[in-house]
Amino acid sequence: MMSRSVTACAGICVLAVALGGCTTKVDESDIRFISSGELRQMIQTRDGGRADHLMLIDPRSAREYAEGRIVGAEHITIDRVVGEKSPRNPPFDRYSNIVVYGNDPASAPARGMAKRIMSLGHKKTTRMYAGGMKEWSQTYPSMVVRGEEPAK
């Protein structure tokens, strides 16, 4: 038989989850970075037939995305990812790795997106590509796509 204090504590926890959603507190120190070599390997694994291996997210502006993006990147801006588990959010659960990148390591849109996704319970699978688009376009120019802006 559970004591009243344990029962009360359990009730408070259930209420907190119900009111607060399924989010986790995340800050800058929680962001883990990967190198260009690690990202290249993930892309090759995905392109080798494991589509669920990597979700590559470019949260930059539509103009920047059109000017150049990493091959296979999806243009997802932070306003499309609500701060709770929701059918509106992209299908993060199905990917083994989620990588976000911006123009460089200081990219506010990329850092914000990485933290938002991690707060939704994907802390272990989400990383940020440290070099960003600037480094990638110099290191792997053949793996850069240029062209149309994403559909709205």
Protein backbone atom coordinates (compact mmCIF):
# COMPACT_ATOMS: atom_id res chain seq x y z
CA MET A 1 0.00 0.00 0.00
CA MET A 2 1.41 3.38 -0.98
CA SER A 3 1.71 6.10 1.60
CA ARG A 4 -0.24 9.32 1.17
CA SER A 5 2.93 11.31 0.47
CA VAL A 6 3.98 8.93 -2.33
CA THR A 7 0.47 9.04 -3.78
CA ALA A 8 0.45 12.85 -3.59
CA CYS A 9 3.88 13.06 -5.22
CA ALA A 10 2.78 10.75 -8.04
CA GLY A 11 -0.33 12.89 -8.58
CA ILE A 12 1.73 16.07 -8.75
CA CYS A 13 4.09 14.46 -11.30
CA VAL A 14 1.18 13.38 -13.50
CA LEU A 15 -0.32 16.89 -13.29
CA ALA A 16 3.03 18.50 -14.15
CA VAL A 17 3.39 16.35 -17.26
CA ALA A 18 -0.19 17.06 -18.31
CA LEU A 19 0.19 20.81 -17.91
CA GLY A 20 3.77 21.14 -19.12
CA GLY A 21 3.72 18.74 -22.04
CA CYS A 22 6.57 16.39 -22.75
CA THR A 23 9.35 18.94 -22.88
CA THR A 24 12.78 18.76 -21.30
CA LYS A 25 14.81 21.73 -20.07
CA VAL A 26 17.65 22.36 -22.53
CA ASP A 27 20.35 25.02 -22.61
CA GLU A 28 23.42 25.87 -24.71
CA SER A 29 25.65 23.44 -22.81
CA ASP A 30 23.43 20.53 -23.92
CA ILE A 31 24.18 21.06 -27.62
CA ARG A 32 26.55 18.40 -28.96
CA PHE A 33 28.52 19.11 -32.11
CA ILE A 34 29.70 16.85 -34.92
CA SER A 35 32.44 17.38 -37.50
CA SER A 36 32.13 17.55 -41.27
CA GLY A 37 33.59 14.04 -41.55
CA GLU A 38 30.97 12.63 -39.16
CA LEU A 39 28.15 14.35 -41.05
CA ARG A 40 29.49 13.12 -44.40
CA GLN A 41 29.49 9.54 -43.06
CA MET A 42 25.88 9.92 -41.84
CA ILE A 43 24.80 11.22 -45.26
CA GLN A 44 26.49 8.30 -47.00
CA THR A 45 24.79 5.82 -44.65
CA ARG A 46 21.41 7.45 -45.33
CA ASP A 47 22.01 7.53 -49.08
CA GLY A 48 23.11 3.89 -48.95
CA GLY A 49 19.55 2.84 -48.26
CA ARG A 50 18.93 3.72 -44.62
CA ALA A 51 16.60 6.69 -45.08
CA ASP A 52 15.69 6.69 -41.38
CA HIS A 53 19.33 7.05 -40.36
CA LEU A 54 19.51 10.84 -40.69
CA MET A 55 17.20 13.84 -40.68
CA LEU A 56 19.28 16.85 -41.77
CA ILE A 57 17.65 20.18 -40.93
CA ASP A 58 18.44 23.62 -42.36
CA PRO A 59 16.54 26.26 -40.34
CA ARG A 60 18.03 29.25 -42.17
CA SER A 61 15.97 31.67 -44.25
CA ALA A 62 14.38 30.53 -47.52
CA ARG A 63 16.82 32.75 -49.42
CA GLU A 64 19.87 31.20 -47.73
CA TYR A 65 18.46 27.71 -48.29
CA ALA A 66 18.01 28.44 -52.01
CA GLU A 67 21.52 29.87 -52.31
CA GLY A 68 23.04 26.62 -51.09
CA ARG A 69 22.25 23.74 -48.77
CA ILE A 70 23.76 20.41 -47.85
CA VAL A 71 22.51 17.60 -50.07
CA GLY A 72 19.40 16.00 -48.54
CA ALA A 73 18.72 18.82 -46.08
CA GLU A 74 15.12 19.73 -45.27
CA HIS A 75 14.17 23.37 -44.84
CA ILE A 76 12.37 23.48 -41.50
CA THR A 77 12.13 26.76 -39.64
CA ILE A 78 11.71 26.91 -35.88
CA ASP A 79 8.14 28.23 -36.14
CA ARG A 80 7.13 24.88 -37.72
CA VAL A 81 8.21 22.98 -34.61
CA VAL A 82 5.86 23.60 -31.72
CA GLY A 83 7.20 23.38 -28.19
CA GLU A 84 5.40 20.13 -27.40
CA LYS A 85 4.86 16.72 -28.94
CA SER A 86 2.35 17.37 -31.69
CA PRO A 87 1.30 15.88 -35.04
CA ARG A 88 2.29 19.26 -36.51
CA ASN A 89 5.95 18.57 -35.77
CA PRO A 90 8.12 16.76 -38.32
CA PRO A 91 8.50 12.98 -37.65
CA PHE A 92 11.60 13.24 -35.45
CA ASP A 93 10.89 9.90 -33.74
CA ARG A 94 11.65 7.84 -36.83
CA TYR A 95 15.27 9.03 -37.21
CA SER A 96 18.37 7.61 -35.52
CA ASN A 97 20.21 10.92 -35.97
CA ILE A 98 18.95 14.48 -36.25
CA VAL A 99 21.51 17.06 -37.35
CA VAL A 100 20.87 20.79 -37.51
CA TYR A 101 23.16 23.30 -39.19
CA GLY A 102 23.30 27.00 -39.88
CA ASN A 103 25.89 29.21 -41.54
CA ASP A 104 28.46 28.68 -38.79
CA PRO A 105 28.71 27.49 -35.15
CA ALA A 106 27.26 30.78 -33.86
CA SER A 107 24.08 30.44 -35.96
CA ALA A 108 21.14 31.49 -33.76
CA PRO A 109 18.51 29.70 -35.93
CA ALA A 110 20.47 26.43 -35.79
CA ARG A 111 21.14 26.63 -32.06
CA GLY A 112 17.49 27.47 -31.38
CA MET A 113 16.26 24.62 -33.56
CA ALA A 114 18.64 22.10 -31.96
CA LYS A 115 17.47 23.11 -28.48
CA ARG A 116 13.79 23.01 -29.51
CA ILE A 117 14.11 19.48 -30.91
CA MET A 118 16.08 18.30 -27.87
CA SER A 119 13.42 19.74 -25.55
CA LEU A 120 10.87 17.51 -27.27
CA GLY A 121 12.67 14.43 -25.99
CA HIS A 122 15.30 13.98 -28.70
CA LYS A 123 18.32 15.01 -26.65
CA LYS A 124 20.35 11.87 -27.38
CA THR A 125 19.77 11.86 -31.15
CA THR A 126 20.10 15.60 -31.92
CA ARG A 127 23.40 17.24 -32.77
CA MET A 128 24.58 20.38 -34.51
CA TYR A 129 27.08 20.43 -37.35
CA ALA A 130 29.74 22.78 -36.01
CA GLY A 131 31.20 24.01 -39.32
CA GLY A 132 27.91 25.08 -40.83
CA MET A 133 27.27 25.89 -44.45
CA LYS A 134 30.43 28.01 -44.74
CA GLU A 135 32.75 25.11 -43.90
CA TRP A 136 30.67 22.49 -45.76
CA SER A 137 30.65 24.40 -49.06
CA GLN A 138 34.46 24.69 -48.91
CA THR A 139 35.10 21.11 -47.79
CA TYR A 140 32.49 19.24 -49.89
CA PRO A 141 31.41 21.53 -52.75
CA SER A 142 30.03 18.58 -54.72
CA MET A 143 27.61 17.90 -51.83
CA VAL A 144 26.00 21.34 -51.99
CA VAL A 145 22.67 21.85 -53.75
CA ARG A 146 21.75 25.24 -55.15
CA GLY A 147 18.37 26.12 -56.52
CA GLU A 148 14.76 26.82 -55.78
CA GLU A 149 13.38 28.10 -52.53
CA PRO A 150 11.38 25.55 -50.54
CA ALA A 151 7.60 25.39 -50.92
CA LYS A 152 5.72 27.35 -48.28
